[in-house]
Amino acid sequence: MDQFSFLSVLISVILGLAVAEILQGFRGLLWSRTRIQVYWPVIGWAVLVLLVCFQHWWSMFGMRTHHDWTVQQFAIMVLQTILIYMVAGLVFPDFFGEALVDLKESFYAHCRWFFSLGVAIIMVSVCKHLLLDGKLPNPTYLIFQAMFGVTLFVGALTRQEWYHKTLVVFTNAAFVLYIVLLYARMR
């Protein structure tokens, strides 16, 4: 087993837990559908976080040629994955029980943390490239990351519903474009 295969196991487990968080949230929506006040932006964010998990796992394949891993390089990979897991854990409420669940109320109760962690993922991602490659990523990558970072930062600061509804649509569309432009082929 090579170094990357060994190190990627932990990252894959954490990503699997993040995917499980989102899928359990969708299952909870179905299971408790009569007691849930649906707020469609939450569904949009859940779809986006699922896409982020898949894209992160997909992009990890590009690191298979990296050798001589250091603790710092591995730590930043794990940190980014942990942050993705934390965001996944904030999309849906933890518990869909007998009581009425208001997804809008839950979203706004946690949106500052949700968006702040999203900004942290972006900052760690850029630092990851610096640590692994010794240089900044390509300009297209940086433009997308800056765009995501600014819009998520504003999302952490505002409670304007129109902004959050616009942001979830914009971010999903931009992330799909990001994947198509930068990650359409496994390299």
C-alpha atoms as a PDB file:
ATOM      1  CA  MET A   1       0.000   0.000   0.000  1.00  0.00           C
ATOM      2  CA  ASP A   2       1.449   3.381  -0.947  1.00  0.00           C
ATOM      3  CA  GLN A   3       1.416   6.461   1.300  1.00  0.00           C
ATOM      4  CA  PHE A   4      -1.562   8.139  -0.335  1.00  0.00           C
ATOM      5  CA  SER A   5      -3.706   5.007  -0.193  1.00  0.00           C
ATOM      6  CA  PHE A   6      -2.935   4.687   3.501  1.00  0.00           C
ATOM      7  CA  LEU A   7      -3.585   8.366   4.312  1.00  0.00           C
ATOM      8  CA  SER A   8      -6.719   8.642   2.191  1.00  0.00           C
ATOM      9  CA  VAL A   9      -8.546   6.025   4.267  1.00  0.00           C
ATOM     10  CA  LEU A  10      -9.149   8.408   7.180  1.00  0.00           C
ATOM     11  CA  ILE A  11     -10.212  11.197   4.837  1.00  0.00           C
ATOM     12  CA  SER A  12     -12.620   8.835   3.072  1.00  0.00           C
ATOM     13  CA  VAL A  13     -14.129   7.757   6.402  1.00  0.00           C
ATOM     14  CA  ILE A  14     -14.744  11.382   7.441  1.00  0.00           C
ATOM     15  CA  LEU A  15     -16.254  12.181   4.032  1.00  0.00           C
ATOM     16  CA  GLY A  16     -18.443   9.101   4.366  1.00  0.00           C
ATOM     17  CA  LEU A  17     -19.687  10.410   7.703  1.00  0.00           C
ATOM     18  CA  ALA A  18     -20.462  13.774   6.092  1.00  0.00           C
ATOM     19  CA  VAL A  19     -22.435  12.077   3.321  1.00  0.00           C
ATOM     20  CA  ALA A  20     -24.237  10.015   5.969  1.00  0.00           C
ATOM     21  CA  GLU A  21     -25.207  13.233   7.820  1.00  0.00           C
ATOM     22  CA  ILE A  22     -26.826  14.643   4.695  1.00  0.00           C
ATOM     23  CA  LEU A  23     -28.521  11.387   3.704  1.00  0.00           C
ATOM     24  CA  GLN A  24     -29.862  10.919   7.243  1.00  0.00           C
ATOM     25  CA  GLY A  25     -31.262  14.437   6.998  1.00  0.00           C
ATOM     26  CA  PHE A  26     -33.071  13.585   3.775  1.00  0.00           C
ATOM     27  CA  ARG A  27     -34.315  10.363   5.354  1.00  0.00           C
ATOM     28  CA  GLY A  28     -35.517  12.367   8.362  1.00  0.00           C
ATOM     29  CA  LEU A  29     -37.434  14.670   6.027  1.00  0.00           C
ATOM     30  CA  LEU A  30     -39.214  11.697   4.522  1.00  0.00           C
ATOM     31  CA  TRP A  31     -39.748   9.938   7.812  1.00  0.00           C
ATOM     32  CA  SER A  32     -41.165  12.979   9.599  1.00  0.00           C
ATOM     33  CA  ARG A  33     -42.677  14.769   6.598  1.00  0.00           C
ATOM     34  CA  THR A  34     -45.984  15.494   8.327  1.00  0.00           C
ATOM     35  CA  ARG A  35     -44.211  17.311  11.175  1.00  0.00           C
ATOM     36  CA  ILE A  36     -41.751  19.364   9.127  1.00  0.00           C
ATOM     37  CA  GLN A  37     -42.120  22.882   7.834  1.00  0.00           C
ATOM     38  CA  VAL A  38     -39.940  22.655   4.743  1.00  0.00           C
ATOM     39  CA  TYR A  39     -37.714  25.589   3.805  1.00  0.00           C
ATOM     40  CA  TRP A  40     -36.427  24.957   0.296  1.00  0.00           C
ATOM     41  CA  PRO A  41     -33.035  26.725   0.735  1.00  0.00           C
ATOM     42  CA  VAL A  42     -32.108  24.046   3.293  1.00  0.00           C
ATOM     43  CA  ILE A  43     -32.727  21.376   0.643  1.00  0.00           C
ATOM     44  CA  GLY A  44     -30.560  23.387  -1.767  1.00  0.00           C
ATOM     45  CA  TRP A  45     -27.726  23.632   0.756  1.00  0.00           C
ATOM     46  CA  ALA A  46     -27.976  19.915   1.482  1.00  0.00           C
ATOM     47  CA  VAL A  47     -27.622  19.152  -2.229  1.00  0.00           C
ATOM     48  CA  LEU A  48     -24.627  21.486  -2.444  1.00  0.00           C
ATOM     49  CA  VAL A  49     -22.871  19.963   0.563  1.00  0.00           C
ATOM     50  CA  LEU A  50     -23.413  16.518  -0.941  1.00  0.00           C
ATOM     51  CA  LEU A  51     -21.833  17.781  -4.178  1.00  0.00           C
ATOM     52  CA  VAL A  52     -18.928  19.238  -2.190  1.00  0.00           C
ATOM     53  CA  CYS A  53     -18.356  15.845  -0.548  1.00  0.00           C
ATOM     54  CA  PHE A  54     -18.352  14.060  -3.887  1.00  0.00           C
ATOM     55  CA  GLN A  55     -16.114  16.669  -5.523  1.00  0.00           C
ATOM     56  CA  HIS A  56     -13.654  16.576  -2.625  1.00  0.00           C
ATOM     57  CA  TRP A  57     -13.407  12.807  -2.819  1.00  0.00           C
ATOM     58  CA  TRP A  58     -13.103  12.933  -6.633  1.00  0.00           C
ATOM     59  CA  SER A  59     -10.337  15.565  -6.493  1.00  0.00           C
ATOM     60  CA  MET A  60      -8.354  13.521  -3.965  1.00  0.00           C
ATOM     61  CA  PHE A  61      -7.411  11.175  -6.791  1.00  0.00           C
ATOM     62  CA  GLY A  62      -5.143  13.911  -8.141  1.00  0.00           C
ATOM     63  CA  MET A  63      -3.011  13.604  -5.005  1.00  0.00           C
ATOM     64  CA  ARG A  64      -2.127   9.967  -5.628  1.00  0.00           C
ATOM     65  CA  THR A  65       1.153  11.032  -7.254  1.00  0.00           C
ATOM     66  CA  HIS A  66       2.193  13.123  -4.258  1.00  0.00           C
ATOM     67  CA  HIS A  67       4.895  11.365  -2.256  1.00  0.00           C
ATOM     68  CA  ASP A  68       6.851  12.101   0.898  1.00  0.00           C
ATOM     69  CA  TRP A  69       3.867  13.315   2.876  1.00  0.00           C
ATOM     70  CA  THR A  70       4.520  15.475   5.925  1.00  0.00           C
ATOM     71  CA  VAL A  71       2.383  15.687   9.039  1.00  0.00           C
ATOM     72  CA  GLN A  72       1.413  19.275   8.090  1.00  0.00           C
ATOM     73  CA  GLN A  73       0.239  18.205   4.634  1.00  0.00           C
ATOM     74  CA  PHE A  74      -1.813  15.373   6.037  1.00  0.00           C
ATOM     75  CA  ALA A  75      -3.176  17.597   8.822  1.00  0.00           C
ATOM     76  CA  ILE A  76      -4.452  20.203   6.384  1.00  0.00           C
ATOM     77  CA  MET A  77      -6.131  17.477   4.312  1.00  0.00           C
ATOM     78  CA  VAL A  78      -7.830  16.123   7.422  1.00  0.00           C
ATOM     79  CA  LEU A  79      -8.751  19.635   8.615  1.00  0.00           C
ATOM     80  CA  GLN A  80     -10.479  20.452   5.329  1.00  0.00           C
ATOM     81  CA  THR A  81     -12.403  17.186   5.480  1.00  0.00           C
ATOM     82  CA  ILE A  82     -13.410  17.737   9.111  1.00  0.00           C
ATOM     83  CA  LEU A  83     -14.725  21.202   8.211  1.00  0.00           C
ATOM     84  CA  ILE A  84     -16.788  19.674   5.399  1.00  0.00           C
ATOM     85  CA  TYR A  85     -18.195  17.195   7.912  1.00  0.00           C
ATOM     86  CA  MET A  86     -19.053  20.010  10.329  1.00  0.00           C
ATOM     87  CA  VAL A  87     -20.918  21.916   7.600  1.00  0.00           C
ATOM     88  CA  ALA A  88     -22.763  18.728   6.671  1.00  0.00           C
ATOM     89  CA  GLY A  89     -23.797  18.362  10.295  1.00  0.00           C
ATOM     90  CA  LEU A  90     -25.343  21.843  10.336  1.00  0.00           C
ATOM     91  CA  VAL A  91     -27.546  21.548   7.243  1.00  0.00           C
ATOM     92  CA  PHE A  92     -30.381  19.607   8.844  1.00  0.00           C
ATOM     93  CA  PRO A  93     -31.490  19.528  12.474  1.00  0.00           C
ATOM     94  CA  ASP A  94     -30.067  16.627  14.432  1.00  0.00           C
ATOM     95  CA  PHE A  95     -33.368  15.168  15.426  1.00  0.00           C
ATOM     96  CA  PHE A  96     -36.640  14.676  13.590  1.00  0.00           C
ATOM     97  CA  GLY A  97     -38.865  13.518  16.420  1.00  0.00           C
ATOM     98  CA  GLU A  98     -42.497  13.896  17.367  1.00  0.00           C
ATOM     99  CA  ALA A  99     -42.364  17.700  17.626  1.00  0.00           C
ATOM    100  CA  LEU A 100     -42.844  20.085  14.710  1.00  0.00           C
ATOM    101  CA  VAL A 101     -39.531  20.904  12.989  1.00  0.00           C
ATOM    102  CA  ASP A 102     -39.199  24.284  11.285  1.00  0.00           C
ATOM    103  CA  LEU A 103     -36.310  24.082   8.814  1.00  0.00           C
ATOM    104  CA  LYS A 104     -36.279  27.854   8.354  1.00  0.00           C
ATOM    105  CA  GLU A 105     -35.888  28.435  12.084  1.00  0.00           C
ATOM    106  CA  SER A 106     -33.166  25.778  12.279  1.00  0.00           C
ATOM    107  CA  PHE A 107     -31.325  27.277   9.291  1.00  0.00           C
ATOM    108  CA  TYR A 108     -31.229  30.793  10.702  1.00  0.00           C
ATOM    109  CA  ALA A 109     -30.252  29.505  14.152  1.00  0.00           C
ATOM    110  CA  HIS A 110     -27.087  27.966  12.657  1.00  0.00           C
ATOM    111  CA  CYS A 111     -26.434  29.964   9.483  1.00  0.00           C
ATOM    112  CA  ARG A 112     -23.551  32.023  10.909  1.00  0.00           C
ATOM    113  CA  TRP A 113     -21.661  28.869  11.815  1.00  0.00           C
ATOM    114  CA  PHE A 114     -22.664  27.180   8.557  1.00  0.00           C
ATOM    115  CA  PHE A 115     -21.318  30.004   6.388  1.00  0.00           C
ATOM    116  CA  SER A 116     -18.293  30.725   8.601  1.00  0.00           C
ATOM    117  CA  LEU A 117     -17.240  27.092   8.348  1.00  0.00           C
ATOM    118  CA  GLY A 118     -17.779  27.314   4.587  1.00  0.00           C
ATOM    119  CA  VAL A 119     -15.361  30.255   4.442  1.00  0.00           C
ATOM    120  CA  ALA A 120     -12.906  28.274   6.579  1.00  0.00           C
ATOM    121  CA  ILE A 121     -13.079  25.360   4.106  1.00  0.00           C
ATOM    122  CA  ILE A 122     -12.120  27.748   1.301  1.00  0.00           C
ATOM    123  CA  MET A 123      -9.204  29.249   3.235  1.00  0.00           C
ATOM    124  CA  VAL A 124      -7.923  25.798   4.184  1.00  0.00           C
ATOM    125  CA  SER A 125      -8.291  24.641   0.569  1.00  0.00           C
ATOM    126  CA  VAL A 126      -6.038  27.417  -0.702  1.00  0.00           C
ATOM    127  CA  CYS A 127      -3.534  26.743   2.104  1.00  0.00           C
ATOM    128  CA  LYS A 128      -3.645  23.047   1.206  1.00  0.00           C
ATOM    129  CA  HIS A 129      -2.455  23.871  -2.298  1.00  0.00           C
ATOM    130  CA  LEU A 130       0.347  25.996  -0.885  1.00  0.00           C
ATOM    131  CA  LEU A 131       1.450  23.186   1.430  1.00  0.00           C
ATOM    132  CA  LEU A 132       1.163  20.395  -1.139  1.00  0.00           C
ATOM    133  CA  ASP A 133       2.351  22.191  -4.273  1.00  0.00           C
ATOM    134  CA  GLY A 134       4.387  25.066  -2.876  1.00  0.00           C
ATOM    135  CA  LYS A 135       2.379  27.530  -4.963  1.00  0.00           C
ATOM    136  CA  LEU A 136      -1.088  28.973  -5.378  1.00  0.00           C
ATOM    137  CA  PRO A 137      -3.576  27.008  -7.485  1.00  0.00           C
ATOM    138  CA  ASN A 138      -4.476  28.109 -11.007  1.00  0.00           C
ATOM    139  CA  PRO A 139      -6.295  31.442 -11.495  1.00  0.00           C
ATOM    140  CA  THR A 140      -9.658  29.852 -12.391  1.00  0.00           C
ATOM    141  CA  TYR A 141      -9.614  27.932  -9.110  1.00  0.00           C
ATOM    142  CA  LEU A 142      -8.728  31.092  -7.181  1.00  0.00           C
ATOM    143  CA  ILE A 143     -11.483  33.128  -8.851  1.00  0.00           C
ATOM    144  CA  PHE A 144     -14.102  30.531  -7.911  1.00  0.00           C
ATOM    145  CA  GLN A 145     -12.772  30.242  -4.366  1.00  0.00           C
ATOM    146  CA  ALA A 146     -12.764  34.043  -3.938  1.00  0.00           C
ATOM    147  CA  MET A 147     -16.309  34.257  -5.290  1.00  0.00           C
ATOM    148  CA  PHE A 148     -17.520  31.494  -2.974  1.00  0.00           C
ATOM    149  CA  GLY A 149     -15.632  32.981  -0.044  1.00  0.00           C
ATOM    150  CA  VAL A 150     -17.058  36.477  -0.419  1.00  0.00           C
ATOM    151  CA  THR A 151     -20.638  35.333  -0.937  1.00  0.00           C
ATOM    152  CA  LEU A 152     -20.486  32.906   1.990  1.00  0.00           C
ATOM    153  CA  PHE A 153     -18.903  35.563   4.206  1.00  0.00           C
ATOM    154  CA  VAL A 154     -21.775  37.924   3.420  1.00  0.00           C
ATOM    155  CA  GLY A 155     -24.146  35.012   4.132  1.00  0.00           C
ATOM    156  CA  ALA A 156     -22.626  34.711   7.599  1.00  0.00           C
ATOM    157  CA  LEU A 157     -23.215  38.415   8.251  1.00  0.00           C
ATOM    158  CA  THR A 158     -26.735  38.893   6.914  1.00  0.00           C
ATOM    159  CA  ARG A 159     -30.092  37.446   7.805  1.00  0.00           C
ATOM    160  CA  GLN A 160     -31.797  38.832   4.718  1.00  0.00           C
ATOM    161  CA  GLU A 161     -33.970  36.039   3.407  1.00  0.00           C
ATOM    162  CA  TRP A 162     -33.768  37.242  -0.207  1.00  0.00           C
ATOM    163  CA  TYR A 163     -29.958  37.030  -0.022  1.00  0.00           C
ATOM    164  CA  HIS A 164     -29.981  33.488   1.346  1.00  0.00           C
ATOM    165  CA  LYS A 165     -32.489  32.298  -1.239  1.00  0.00           C
ATOM    166  CA  THR A 166     -30.476  33.902  -4.047  1.00  0.00           C
ATOM    167  CA  LEU A 167     -27.207  32.615  -2.601  1.00  0.00           C
ATOM    168  CA  VAL A 168     -28.242  28.968  -2.515  1.00  0.00           C
ATOM    169  CA  VAL A 169     -29.339  29.043  -6.172  1.00  0.00           C
ATOM    170  CA  PHE A 170     -26.250  30.989  -7.271  1.00  0.00           C
ATOM    171  CA  THR A 171     -23.841  28.815  -5.286  1.00  0.00           C
ATOM    172  CA  ASN A 172     -25.297  25.541  -6.583  1.00  0.00           C
ATOM    173  CA  ALA A 173     -25.102  26.771 -10.189  1.00  0.00           C
ATOM    174  CA  ALA A 174     -21.588  28.165  -9.716  1.00  0.00           C
ATOM    175  CA  PHE A 175     -20.392  24.968  -8.031  1.00  0.00           C
ATOM    176  CA  VAL A 176     -21.658  22.815 -10.900  1.00  0.00           C
ATOM    177  CA  LEU A 177     -19.798  25.135 -13.312  1.00  0.00           C
ATOM    178  CA  TYR A 178     -16.710  24.884 -11.071  1.00  0.00           C
ATOM    179  CA  ILE A 179     -16.830  21.078 -11.246  1.00  0.00           C
ATOM    180  CA  VAL A 180     -17.334  21.074 -15.011  1.00  0.00           C
ATOM    181  CA  LEU A 181     -14.455  23.483 -15.619  1.00  0.00           C
ATOM    182  CA  LEU A 182     -11.939  22.106 -13.142  1.00  0.00           C
ATOM    183  CA  TYR A 183     -12.856  18.528 -12.252  1.00  0.00           C
ATOM    184  CA  ALA A 184     -14.749  17.001 -15.168  1.00  0.00           C
ATOM    185  CA  ARG A 185     -11.988  14.450 -15.757  1.00  0.00           C
ATOM    186  CA  MET A 186     -10.166  12.398 -13.185  1.00  0.00           C
ATOM    187  CA  ARG A 187      -6.477  13.299 -13.409  1.00  0.00           C
END
